[in-house]
Amino acid sequence: MKRVALATLAGFLALPFAAAAETWQNVSVIDTMCLSKFKTNPDEHTTRCALQCVKGGYGLITAEGTYLKFDAAGNEKSVAALKTTKKNDHLRATVTGEKDGDTIKVSSISIE
């Protein structure tokens, strides 16, 4: 009985430290390889270019200009979204996930 009570208490104490999902809306999605070239004007980055640079991974540029890279699952979701979009450039998206340092553990991405 004491073990159950201690385990429950430990679980409640850990809740404030659990990562909460965040949503970034209307952010530029860009591959890591093209970041330096397009950071000042990410809307010029094309879908075709982004799909060619898949090996470097993807991320988003926040409204403040910070680059947050995606985890492996986020990279796969980015490729899928890029393959289905009809946009040629202006790769703006809504991304939902958990921020861990400068990485986002992406749960969903949709290119707008």
PDB file of N, CA and C in Angstrom:
ATOM      1  N   MET A   1       0.809  -1.191   0.000  1.00  0.00           N
ATOM      2  CA  MET A   1       0.000   0.000   0.000  1.00  0.00           C
ATOM      3  C   MET A   1       0.864   1.272   0.000  1.00  0.00           C
ATOM      4  N   LYS A   2       1.935   1.238   0.816  1.00  0.00           N
ATOM      5  CA  LYS A   2       2.822   2.395   0.865  1.00  0.00           C
ATOM      6  C   LYS A   2       3.481   2.633  -0.489  1.00  0.00           C
ATOM      7  N   ARG A   3       3.828   1.553  -1.190  1.00  0.00           N
ATOM      8  CA  ARG A   3       4.485   1.698  -2.503  1.00  0.00           C
ATOM      9  C   ARG A   3       3.557   2.367  -3.504  1.00  0.00           C
ATOM     10  N   VAL A   4       2.303   1.993  -3.482  1.00  0.00           N
ATOM     11  CA  VAL A   4       1.320   2.601  -4.387  1.00  0.00           C
ATOM     12  C   VAL A   4       1.172   4.082  -4.071  1.00  0.00           C
ATOM     13  N   ALA A   5       1.083   4.400  -2.793  1.00  0.00           N
ATOM     14  CA  ALA A   5       0.947   5.799  -2.387  1.00  0.00           C
ATOM     15  C   ALA A   5       2.179   6.603  -2.792  1.00  0.00           C
ATOM     16  N   LEU A   6       3.369   6.041  -2.602  1.00  0.00           N
ATOM     17  CA  LEU A   6       4.604   6.739  -2.983  1.00  0.00           C
ATOM     18  C   LEU A   6       4.694   6.907  -4.499  1.00  0.00           C
ATOM     19  N   ALA A   7       4.314   5.886  -5.243  1.00  0.00           N
ATOM     20  CA  ALA A   7       4.344   5.974  -6.708  1.00  0.00           C
ATOM     21  C   ALA A   7       3.365   7.030  -7.203  1.00  0.00           C
ATOM     22  N   THR A   8       2.189   7.082  -6.614  1.00  0.00           N
ATOM     23  CA  THR A   8       1.194   8.082  -6.987  1.00  0.00           C
ATOM     24  C   THR A   8       1.695   9.480  -6.663  1.00  0.00           C
ATOM     25  N   LEU A   9       2.264   9.653  -5.496  1.00  0.00           N
ATOM     26  CA  LEU A   9       2.811  10.949  -5.099  1.00  0.00           C
ATOM     27  C   LEU A   9       3.923  11.382  -6.044  1.00  0.00           C
ATOM     28  N   ALA A  10       4.810  10.457  -6.389  1.00  0.00           N
ATOM     29  CA  ALA A  10       5.898  10.773  -7.322  1.00  0.00           C
ATOM     30  C   ALA A  10       5.346  11.189  -8.677  1.00  0.00           C
ATOM     31  N   GLY A  11       4.285  10.542  -9.117  1.00  0.00           N
ATOM     32  CA  GLY A  11       3.659  10.895 -10.389  1.00  0.00           C
ATOM     33  C   GLY A  11       3.097  12.303 -10.373  1.00  0.00           C
ATOM     34  N   PHE A  12       2.418  12.667  -9.285  1.00  0.00           N
ATOM     35  CA  PHE A  12       1.874  14.015  -9.167  1.00  0.00           C
ATOM     36  C   PHE A  12       2.967  15.074  -9.087  1.00  0.00           C
ATOM     37  N   LEU A  13       4.052  14.762  -8.421  1.00  0.00           N
ATOM     38  CA  LEU A  13       5.151  15.715  -8.321  1.00  0.00           C
ATOM     39  C   LEU A  13       5.838  15.930  -9.659  1.00  0.00           C
ATOM     40  N   ALA A  14       5.816  14.943 -10.524  1.00  0.00           N
ATOM     41  CA  ALA A  14       6.471  15.056 -11.823  1.00  0.00           C
ATOM     42  C   ALA A  14       5.623  15.812 -12.835  1.00  0.00           C
ATOM     43  N   LEU A  15       4.328  15.943 -12.614  1.00  0.00           N
ATOM     44  CA  LEU A  15       3.445  16.601 -13.575  1.00  0.00           C
ATOM     45  C   LEU A  15       3.885  18.011 -13.974  1.00  0.00           C
ATOM     46  N   PRO A  16       4.305  18.871 -13.048  1.00  0.00           N
ATOM     47  CA  PRO A  16       4.709  20.212 -13.466  1.00  0.00           C
ATOM     48  C   PRO A  16       5.923  20.209 -14.400  1.00  0.00           C
ATOM     49  N   PHE A  17       6.690  19.123 -14.389  1.00  0.00           N
ATOM     50  CA  PHE A  17       7.890  19.066 -15.216  1.00  0.00           C
ATOM     51  C   PHE A  17       7.634  18.418 -16.568  1.00  0.00           C
ATOM     52  N   ALA A  18       6.455  17.866 -16.774  1.00  0.00           N
ATOM     53  CA  ALA A  18       6.129  17.238 -18.053  1.00  0.00           C
ATOM     54  C   ALA A  18       5.996  18.312 -19.125  1.00  0.00           C
ATOM     55  N   ALA A  19       6.476  17.998 -20.306  1.00  0.00           N
ATOM     56  CA  ALA A  19       6.407  18.948 -21.411  1.00  0.00           C
ATOM     57  C   ALA A  19       4.973  19.066 -21.907  1.00  0.00           C
ATOM     58  N   ALA A  20       4.570  20.272 -22.182  1.00  0.00           N
ATOM     59  CA  ALA A  20       3.235  20.520 -22.706  1.00  0.00           C
ATOM     60  C   ALA A  20       3.328  20.786 -24.201  1.00  0.00           C
ATOM     61  N   ALA A  21       2.344  20.334 -24.921  1.00  0.00           N
ATOM     62  CA  ALA A  21       2.315  20.559 -26.358  1.00  0.00           C
ATOM     63  C   ALA A  21       2.129  22.052 -26.642  1.00  0.00           C
ATOM     64  N   GLU A  22       2.843  22.523 -27.641  1.00  0.00           N
ATOM     65  CA  GLU A  22       2.728  23.906 -28.080  1.00  0.00           C
ATOM     66  C   GLU A  22       2.336  23.898 -29.544  1.00  0.00           C
ATOM     67  N   THR A  23       1.787  25.001 -30.001  1.00  0.00           N
ATOM     68  CA  THR A  23       1.446  25.141 -31.413  1.00  0.00           C
ATOM     69  C   THR A  23       2.078  26.414 -31.946  1.00  0.00           C
ATOM     70  N   TRP A  24       2.762  26.269 -33.069  1.00  0.00           N
ATOM     71  CA  TRP A  24       3.344  27.397 -33.786  1.00  0.00           C
ATOM     72  C   TRP A  24       2.542  27.560 -35.066  1.00  0.00           C
ATOM     73  N   GLN A  25       1.967  28.742 -35.274  1.00  0.00           N
ATOM     74  CA  GLN A  25       1.126  28.980 -36.440  1.00  0.00           C
ATOM     75  C   GLN A  25       1.783  29.957 -37.402  1.00  0.00           C
ATOM     76  N   ASN A  26       1.546  29.708 -38.686  1.00  0.00           N
ATOM     77  CA  ASN A  26       2.043  30.580 -39.752  1.00  0.00           C
ATOM     78  C   ASN A  26       3.554  30.784 -39.663  1.00  0.00           C
ATOM     79  N   VAL A  27       4.273  29.684 -39.422  1.00  0.00           N
ATOM     80  CA  VAL A  27       5.730  29.744 -39.341  1.00  0.00           C
ATOM     81  C   VAL A  27       6.338  29.176 -40.623  1.00  0.00           C
ATOM     82  N   SER A  28       7.515  29.644 -40.952  1.00  0.00           N
ATOM     83  CA  SER A  28       8.221  29.145 -42.125  1.00  0.00           C
ATOM     84  C   SER A  28       8.885  27.820 -41.813  1.00  0.00           C
ATOM     85  N   VAL A  29       8.652  26.849 -42.680  1.00  0.00           N
ATOM     86  CA  VAL A  29       9.311  25.555 -42.568  1.00  0.00           C
ATOM     87  C   VAL A  29      10.451  25.546 -43.564  1.00  0.00           C
ATOM     88  N   ILE A  30      11.632  25.142 -43.107  1.00  0.00           N
ATOM     89  CA  ILE A  30      12.812  25.181 -43.968  1.00  0.00           C
ATOM     90  C   ILE A  30      13.749  24.040 -43.587  1.00  0.00           C
ATOM     91  N   ASP A  31      14.450  23.525 -44.566  1.00  0.00           N
ATOM     92  CA  ASP A  31      15.417  22.467 -44.271  1.00  0.00           C
ATOM     93  C   ASP A  31      16.692  23.092 -43.719  1.00  0.00           C
ATOM     94  N   THR A  32      17.401  22.321 -42.936  1.00  0.00           N
ATOM     95  CA  THR A  32      18.601  22.801 -42.254  1.00  0.00           C
ATOM     96  C   THR A  32      19.685  23.215 -43.245  1.00  0.00           C
ATOM     97  N   MET A  33      19.789  22.493 -44.358  1.00  0.00           N
ATOM     98  CA  MET A  33      20.841  22.791 -45.333  1.00  0.00           C
ATOM     99  C   MET A  33      20.659  24.163 -45.989  1.00  0.00           C
ATOM    100  N   CYS A  34      19.426  24.628 -46.106  1.00  0.00           N
ATOM    101  CA  CYS A  34      19.156  25.914 -46.767  1.00  0.00           C
ATOM    102  C   CYS A  34      18.935  27.063 -45.782  1.00  0.00           C
ATOM    103  N   LEU A  35      19.068  26.791 -44.513  1.00  0.00           N
ATOM    104  CA  LEU A  35      18.769  27.804 -43.498  1.00  0.00           C
ATOM    105  C   LEU A  35      19.570  29.087 -43.690  1.00  0.00           C
ATOM    106  N   SER A  36      20.867  28.981 -43.870  1.00  0.00           N
ATOM    107  CA  SER A  36      21.686  30.193 -43.983  1.00  0.00           C
ATOM    108  C   SER A  36      21.339  30.993 -45.238  1.00  0.00           C
ATOM    109  N   LYS A  37      20.948  30.314 -46.287  1.00  0.00           N
ATOM    110  CA  LYS A  37      20.630  30.995 -47.546  1.00  0.00           C
ATOM    111  C   LYS A  37      19.279  31.714 -47.496  1.00  0.00           C
ATOM    112  N   PHE A  38      18.298  31.124 -46.797  1.00  0.00           N
ATOM    113  CA  PHE A  38      16.944  31.662 -46.834  1.00  0.00           C
ATOM    114  C   PHE A  38      16.426  32.205 -45.502  1.00  0.00           C
ATOM    115  N   LYS A  39      17.253  32.273 -44.484  1.00  0.00           N
ATOM    116  CA  LYS A  39      16.762  32.699 -43.165  1.00  0.00           C
ATOM    117  C   LYS A  39      16.179  34.111 -43.194  1.00  0.00           C
ATOM    118  N   THR A  40      16.786  35.013 -43.947  1.00  0.00           N
ATOM    119  CA  THR A  40      16.276  36.383 -43.987  1.00  0.00           C
ATOM    120  C   THR A  40      15.024  36.517 -44.844  1.00  0.00           C
ATOM    121  N   ASN A  41      14.808  35.602 -45.781  1.00  0.00           N
ATOM    122  CA  ASN A  41      13.604  35.615 -46.595  1.00  0.00           C
ATOM    123  C   ASN A  41      13.164  34.178 -46.890  1.00  0.00           C
ATOM    124  N   PRO A  42      12.631  33.496 -45.893  1.00  0.00           N
ATOM    125  CA  PRO A  42      12.273  32.087 -46.061  1.00  0.00           C
ATOM    126  C   PRO A  42      11.153  31.838 -47.064  1.00  0.00           C
ATOM    127  N   ASP A  43      10.355  32.862 -47.383  1.00  0.00           N
ATOM    128  CA  ASP A  43       9.273  32.670 -48.345  1.00  0.00           C
ATOM    129  C   ASP A  43       9.781  32.403 -49.756  1.00  0.00           C
ATOM    130  N   GLU A  44      11.042  32.688 -50.021  1.00  0.00           N
ATOM    131  CA  GLU A  44      11.627  32.394 -51.331  1.00  0.00           C
ATOM    132  C   GLU A  44      12.045  30.930 -51.465  1.00  0.00           C
ATOM    133  N   HIS A  45      12.105  30.207 -50.377  1.00  0.00           N
ATOM    134  CA  HIS A  45      12.503  28.808 -50.397  1.00  0.00           C
ATOM    135  C   HIS A  45      11.402  27.973 -51.057  1.00  0.00           C
ATOM    136  N   THR A  46      11.758  27.180 -52.029  1.00  0.00           N
ATOM    137  CA  THR A  46      10.764  26.436 -52.789  1.00  0.00           C
ATOM    138  C   THR A  46      10.540  25.030 -52.234  1.00  0.00           C
ATOM    139  N   THR A  47       9.390  24.498 -52.556  1.00  0.00           N
ATOM    140  CA  THR A  47       9.055  23.129 -52.161  1.00  0.00           C
ATOM    141  C   THR A  47      10.037  22.153 -52.796  1.00  0.00           C
ATOM    142  N   ARG A  48      10.335  22.371 -54.036  1.00  0.00           N
ATOM    143  CA  ARG A  48      11.270  21.490 -54.752  1.00  0.00           C
ATOM    144  C   ARG A  48      12.627  21.445 -54.051  1.00  0.00           C
ATOM    145  N   CYS A  49      13.140  22.602 -53.679  1.00  0.00           N
ATOM    146  CA  CYS A  49      14.423  22.671 -52.981  1.00  0.00           C
ATOM    147  C   CYS A  49      14.338  21.956 -51.635  1.00  0.00           C
ATOM    148  N   ALA A  50      13.251  22.184 -50.902  1.00  0.00           N
ATOM    149  CA  ALA A  50      13.094  21.564 -49.587  1.00  0.00           C
ATOM    150  C   ALA A  50      13.076  20.038 -49.685  1.00  0.00           C
ATOM    151  N   LEU A  51      12.469  19.523 -50.733  1.00  0.00           N
ATOM    152  CA  LEU A  51      12.435  18.066 -50.908  1.00  0.00           C
ATOM    153  C   LEU A  51      13.778  17.503 -51.355  1.00  0.00           C
ATOM    154  N   GLN A  52      14.598  18.312 -51.986  1.00  0.00           N
ATOM    155  CA  GLN A  52      15.925  17.853 -52.400  1.00  0.00           C
ATOM    156  C   GLN A  52      16.894  17.794 -51.221  1.00  0.00           C
ATOM    157  N   CYS A  53      16.623  18.555 -50.190  1.00  0.00           N
ATOM    158  CA  CYS A  53      17.543  18.656 -49.053  1.00  0.00           C
ATOM    159  C   CYS A  53      17.040  17.884 -47.837  1.00  0.00           C
ATOM    160  N   VAL A  54      16.363  16.796 -48.071  1.00  0.00           N
ATOM    161  CA  VAL A  54      15.728  16.032 -47.003  1.00  0.00           C
ATOM    162  C   VAL A  54      16.738  15.469 -45.999  1.00  0.00           C
ATOM    163  N   LYS A  55      17.945  15.154 -46.418  1.00  0.00           N
ATOM    164  CA  LYS A  55      18.929  14.521 -45.527  1.00  0.00           C
ATOM    165  C   LYS A  55      19.339  15.407 -44.356  1.00  0.00           C
ATOM    166  N   GLY A  56      19.269  16.720 -44.523  1.00  0.00           N
ATOM    167  CA  GLY A  56      19.664  17.635 -43.454  1.00  0.00           C
ATOM    168  C   GLY A  56      18.620  17.808 -42.371  1.00  0.00           C
ATOM    169  N   GLY A  57      17.378  17.393 -42.639  1.00  0.00           N
ATOM    170  CA  GLY A  57      16.300  17.576 -41.687  1.00  0.00           C
ATOM    171  C   GLY A  57      15.634  18.933 -41.844  1.00  0.00           C
ATOM    172  N   TYR A  58      14.572  19.115 -41.108  1.00  0.00           N
ATOM    173  CA  TYR A  58      13.758  20.322 -41.220  1.00  0.00           C
ATOM    174  C   TYR A  58      13.587  20.990 -39.868  1.00  0.00           C
ATOM    175  N   GLY A  59      13.038  22.188 -39.924  1.00  0.00           N
ATOM    176  CA  GLY A  59      12.722  22.937 -38.722  1.00  0.00           C
ATOM    177  C   GLY A  59      11.848  24.113 -39.082  1.00  0.00           C
ATOM    178  N   LEU A  60      11.611  24.963 -38.116  1.00  0.00           N
ATOM    179  CA  LEU A  60      10.795  26.149 -38.362  1.00  0.00           C
ATOM    180  C   LEU A  60      11.525  27.387 -37.871  1.00  0.00           C
ATOM    181  N   ILE A  61      11.162  28.505 -38.443  1.00  0.00           N
ATOM    182  CA  ILE A  61      11.693  29.794 -38.008  1.00  0.00           C
ATOM    183  C   ILE A  61      10.568  30.496 -37.271  1.00  0.00           C
ATOM    184  N   THR A  62      10.797  30.794 -36.004  1.00  0.00           N
ATOM    185  CA  THR A  62       9.774  31.450 -35.191  1.00  0.00           C
ATOM    186  C   THR A  62       9.618  32.908 -35.609  1.00  0.00           C
ATOM    187  N   ALA A  63       8.590  33.549 -35.098  1.00  0.00           N
ATOM    188  CA  ALA A  63       8.357  34.967 -35.376  1.00  0.00           C
ATOM    189  C   ALA A  63       9.527  35.819 -34.904  1.00  0.00           C
ATOM    190  N   GLU A  64      10.256  35.330 -33.882  1.00  0.00           N
ATOM    191  CA  GLU A  64      11.419  36.055 -33.354  1.00  0.00           C
ATOM    192  C   GLU A  64      12.682  35.786 -34.167  1.00  0.00           C
ATOM    193  N   GLY A  65      12.596  34.884 -35.153  1.00  0.00           N
ATOM    194  CA  GLY A  65      13.755  34.572 -35.986  1.00  0.00           C
ATOM    195  C   GLY A  65      14.604  33.417 -35.487  1.00  0.00           C
ATOM    196  N   THR A  66      14.135  32.702 -34.474  1.00  0.00           N
ATOM    197  CA  THR A  66      14.860  31.556 -33.939  1.00  0.00           C
ATOM    198  C   THR A  66      14.541  30.314 -34.759  1.00  0.00           C
ATOM    199  N   TYR A  67      15.563  29.502 -35.020  1.00  0.00           N
ATOM    200  CA  TYR A  67      15.361  28.251 -35.743  1.00  0.00           C
ATOM    201  C   TYR A  67      15.237  27.109 -34.748  1.00  0.00           C
ATOM    202  N   LEU A  68      14.150  26.373 -34.841  1.00  0.00           N
ATOM    203  CA  LEU A  68      13.918  25.197 -34.009  1.00  0.00           C
ATOM    204  C   LEU A  68      13.846  23.990 -34.926  1.00  0.00           C
ATOM    205  N   LYS A  69      14.733  23.029 -34.744  1.00  0.00           N
ATOM    206  CA  LYS A  69      14.765  21.871 -35.628  1.00  0.00           C
ATOM    207  C   LYS A  69      13.756  20.829 -35.174  1.00  0.00           C
ATOM    208  N   PHE A  70      13.360  19.974 -36.114  1.00  0.00           N
ATOM    209  CA  PHE A  70      12.398  18.918 -35.838  1.00  0.00           C
ATOM    210  C   PHE A  70      13.109  17.632 -35.475  1.00  0.00           C
ATOM    211  N   ASP A  71      12.439  16.804 -34.686  1.00  0.00           N
ATOM    212  CA  ASP A  71      12.935  15.463 -34.392  1.00  0.00           C
ATOM    213  C   ASP A  71      12.746  14.578 -35.629  1.00  0.00           C
ATOM    214  N   ALA A  72      13.184  13.332 -35.551  1.00  0.00           N
ATOM    215  CA  ALA A  72      13.113  12.422 -36.705  1.00  0.00           C
ATOM    216  C   ALA A  72      11.681  12.247 -37.193  1.00  0.00           C
ATOM    217  N   ALA A  73      10.734  12.092 -36.275  1.00  0.00           N
ATOM    218  CA  ALA A  73       9.330  11.945 -36.673  1.00  0.00           C
ATOM    219  C   ALA A  73       8.833  13.215 -37.354  1.00  0.00           C
ATOM    220  N   GLY A  74       9.264  14.363 -36.870  1.00  0.00           N
ATOM    221  CA  GLY A  74       8.886  15.634 -37.479  1.00  0.00           C
ATOM    222  C   GLY A  74       9.441  15.782 -38.885  1.00  0.00           C
ATOM    223  N   ASN A  75      10.657  15.277 -39.096  1.00  0.00           N
ATOM    224  CA  ASN A  75      11.235  15.312 -40.434  1.00  0.00           C
ATOM    225  C   ASN A  75      10.406  14.469 -41.397  1.00  0.00           C
ATOM    226  N   GLU A  76       9.986  13.293 -40.952  1.00  0.00           N
ATOM    227  CA  GLU A  76       9.159  12.428 -41.802  1.00  0.00           C
ATOM    228  C   GLU A  76       7.809  13.084 -42.096  1.00  0.00           C
ATOM    229  N   LYS A  77       7.219  13.715 -41.102  1.00  0.00           N
ATOM    230  CA  LYS A  77       5.938  14.393 -41.295  1.00  0.00           C
ATOM    231  C   LYS A  77       6.088  15.596 -42.222  1.00  0.00           C
ATOM    232  N   SER A  78       7.239  16.252 -42.161  1.00  0.00           N
ATOM    233  CA  SER A  78       7.503  17.387 -43.049  1.00  0.00           C
ATOM    234  C   SER A  78       7.588  16.938 -44.495  1.00  0.00           C
ATOM    235  N   VAL A  79       8.283  15.844 -44.733  1.00  0.00           N
ATOM    236  CA  VAL A  79       8.396  15.309 -46.095  1.00  0.00           C
ATOM    237  C   VAL A  79       7.012  14.974 -46.635  1.00  0.00           C
ATOM    238  N   ALA A  80       6.204  14.309 -45.830  1.00  0.00           N
ATOM    239  CA  ALA A  80       4.847  13.953 -46.264  1.00  0.00           C
ATOM    240  C   ALA A  80       4.030  15.199 -46.587  1.00  0.00           C
ATOM    241  N   ALA A  81       4.123  16.229 -45.749  1.00  0.00           N
ATOM    242  CA  ALA A  81       3.379  17.470 -45.980  1.00  0.00           C
ATOM    243  C   ALA A  81       3.884  18.186 -47.235  1.00  0.00           C
ATOM    244  N   LEU A  82       5.197  18.199 -47.431  1.00  0.00           N
ATOM    245  CA  LEU A  82       5.766  18.843 -48.610  1.00  0.00           C
ATOM    246  C   LEU A  82       5.370  18.126 -49.902  1.00  0.00           C
ATOM    247  N   LYS A  83       5.279  16.815 -49.842  1.00  0.00           N
ATOM    248  CA  LYS A  83       4.903  16.047 -51.031  1.00  0.00           C
ATOM    249  C   LYS A  83       3.441  16.259 -51.422  1.00  0.00           C
ATOM    250  N   THR A  84       2.602  16.609 -50.470  1.00  0.00           N
ATOM    251  CA  THR A  84       1.182  16.774 -50.776  1.00  0.00           C
ATOM    252  C   THR A  84       0.765  18.225 -51.002  1.00  0.00           C
ATOM    253  N   THR A  85       1.618  19.176 -50.654  1.00  0.00           N
ATOM    254  CA  THR A  85       1.237  20.583 -50.833  1.00  0.00           C
ATOM    255  C   THR A  85       1.247  20.969 -52.313  1.00  0.00           C
ATOM    256  N   LYS A  86       0.389  21.911 -52.647  1.00  0.00           N
ATOM    257  CA  LYS A  86       0.357  22.447 -54.009  1.00  0.00           C
ATOM    258  C   LYS A  86       1.119  23.763 -54.094  1.00  0.00           C
ATOM    259  N   LYS A  87       1.695  24.181 -52.965  1.00  0.00           N
ATOM    260  CA  LYS A  87       2.438  25.439 -52.928  1.00  0.00           C
ATOM    261  C   LYS A  87       3.831  25.238 -53.522  1.00  0.00           C
ATOM    262  N   ASN A  88       4.301  26.225 -54.246  1.00  0.00           N
ATOM    263  CA  ASN A  88       5.645  26.188 -54.816  1.00  0.00           C
ATOM    264  C   ASN A  88       6.663  26.861 -53.905  1.00  0.00           C
ATOM    265  N   ASP A  89       6.217  27.804 -53.096  1.00  0.00           N
ATOM    266  CA  ASP A  89       7.087  28.525 -52.165  1.00  0.00           C
ATOM    267  C   ASP A  89       6.203  29.061 -51.040  1.00  0.00           C
ATOM    268  N   HIS A  90       6.699  29.982 -50.239  1.00  0.00           N
ATOM    269  CA  HIS A  90       5.949  30.488 -49.082  1.00  0.00           C
ATOM    270  C   HIS A  90       5.478  29.309 -48.226  1.00  0.00           C
ATOM    271  N   LEU A  91       6.424  28.504 -47.796  1.00  0.00           N
ATOM    272  CA  LEU A  91       6.115  27.288 -47.047  1.00  0.00           C
ATOM    273  C   LEU A  91       5.805  27.623 -45.591  1.00  0.00           C
ATOM    274  N   ARG A  92       4.583  28.047 -45.366  1.00  0.00           N
ATOM    275  CA  ARG A  92       4.106  28.390 -44.026  1.00  0.00           C
ATOM    276  C   ARG A  92       3.311  27.214 -43.478  1.00  0.00           C
ATOM    277  N   ALA A  93       3.434  26.986 -42.181  1.00  0.00           N
ATOM    278  CA  ALA A  93       2.796  25.812 -41.600  1.00  0.00           C
ATOM    279  C   ALA A  93       2.295  26.084 -40.191  1.00  0.00           C
ATOM    280  N   THR A  94       1.468  25.168 -39.740  1.00  0.00           N
ATOM    281  CA  THR A  94       1.090  25.079 -38.340  1.00  0.00           C
ATOM    282  C   THR A  94       1.722  23.799 -37.824  1.00  0.00           C
ATOM    283  N   VAL A  95       2.505  23.936 -36.761  1.00  0.00           N
ATOM    284  CA  VAL A  95       3.234  22.807 -36.194  1.00  0.00           C
ATOM    285  C   VAL A  95       2.833  22.668 -34.731  1.00  0.00           C
ATOM    286  N   THR A  96       2.522  21.444 -34.338  1.00  0.00           N
ATOM    287  CA  THR A  96       2.206  21.153 -32.945  1.00  0.00           C
ATOM    288  C   THR A  96       3.209  20.131 -32.436  1.00  0.00           C
ATOM    289  N   GLY A  97       3.721  20.371 -31.240  1.00  0.00           N
ATOM    290  CA  GLY A  97       4.676  19.444 -30.651  1.00  0.00           C
ATOM    291  C   GLY A  97       5.182  19.947 -29.321  1.00  0.00           C
ATOM    292  N   GLU A  98       6.175  19.256 -28.809  1.00  0.00           N
ATOM    293  CA  GLU A  98       6.776  19.607 -27.535  1.00  0.00           C
ATOM    294  C   GLU A  98       8.193  20.111 -27.766  1.00  0.00           C
ATOM    295  N   LYS A  99       8.474  21.298 -27.279  1.00  0.00           N
ATOM    296  CA  LYS A  99       9.799  21.898 -27.418  1.00  0.00           C
ATOM    297  C   LYS A  99      10.723  21.319 -26.359  1.00  0.00           C
ATOM    298  N   ASP A 100      11.890  20.879 -26.814  1.00  0.00           N
ATOM    299  CA  ASP A 100      12.904  20.335 -25.920  1.00  0.00           C
ATOM    300  C   ASP A 100      14.223  20.983 -26.319  1.00  0.00           C
ATOM    301  N   GLY A 101      14.577  22.074 -25.649  1.00  0.00           N
ATOM    302  CA  GLY A 101      15.769  22.832 -26.037  1.00  0.00           C
ATOM    303  C   GLY A 101      15.510  23.534 -27.356  1.00  0.00           C
ATOM    304  N   ASP A 102      16.350  23.231 -28.362  1.00  0.00           N
ATOM    305  CA  ASP A 102      16.151  23.838 -29.686  1.00  0.00           C
ATOM    306  C   ASP A 102      15.544  22.847 -30.674  1.00  0.00           C
ATOM    307  N   THR A 103      14.924  21.793 -30.149  1.00  0.00           N
ATOM    308  CA  THR A 103      14.293  20.764 -30.974  1.00  0.00           C
ATOM    309  C   THR A 103      12.814  20.668 -30.626  1.00  0.00           C
ATOM    310  N   ILE A 104      12.004  20.389 -31.647  1.00  0.00           N
ATOM    311  CA  ILE A 104      10.585  20.164 -31.442  1.00  0.00           C
ATOM    312  C   ILE A 104      10.283  18.706 -31.724  1.00  0.00           C
ATOM    313  N   LYS A 105       9.644  18.042 -30.766  1.00  0.00           N
ATOM    314  CA  LYS A 105       9.138  16.692 -30.969  1.00  0.00           C
ATOM    315  C   LYS A 105       7.759  16.876 -31.611  1.00  0.00           C
ATOM    316  N   VAL A 106       7.723  16.798 -32.926  1.00  0.00           N
ATOM    317  CA  VAL A 106       6.537  17.148 -33.701  1.00  0.00           C
ATOM    318  C   VAL A 106       5.467  16.067 -33.587  1.00  0.00           C
ATOM    319  N   SER A 107       4.257  16.515 -33.263  1.00  0.00           N
ATOM    320  CA  SER A 107       3.116  15.594 -33.279  1.00  0.00           C
ATOM    321  C   SER A 107       2.282  15.786 -34.538  1.00  0.00           C
ATOM    322  N   SER A 108       2.264  17.017 -35.092  1.00  0.00           N
ATOM    323  CA  SER A 108       1.557  17.249 -36.354  1.00  0.00           C
ATOM    324  C   SER A 108       2.134  18.473 -37.057  1.00  0.00           C
ATOM    325  N   ILE A 109       2.001  18.442 -38.371  1.00  0.00           N
ATOM    326  CA  ILE A 109       2.422  19.577 -39.209  1.00  0.00           C
ATOM    327  C   ILE A 109       1.479  19.655 -40.401  1.00  0.00           C
ATOM    328  N   SER A 110       1.039  20.861 -40.712  1.00  0.00           N
ATOM    329  CA  SER A 110       0.237  21.061 -41.916  1.00  0.00           C
ATOM    330  C   SER A 110       0.719  22.326 -42.596  1.00  0.00           C
ATOM    331  N   ILE A 111       1.024  22.191 -43.861  1.00  0.00           N
ATOM    332  CA  ILE A 111       1.473  23.353 -44.639  1.00  0.00           C
ATOM    333  C   ILE A 111       0.251  24.069 -45.156  1.00  0.00           C
ATOM    334  N   GLU A 112       0.179  25.378 -44.884  1.00  0.00           N
ATOM    335  CA  GLU A 112      -0.996  26.187 -45.211  1.00  0.00           C
ATOM    336  C   GLU A 112      -0.902  26.802 -46.572  1.00  0.00           C
TER     337      GLU A 112
END
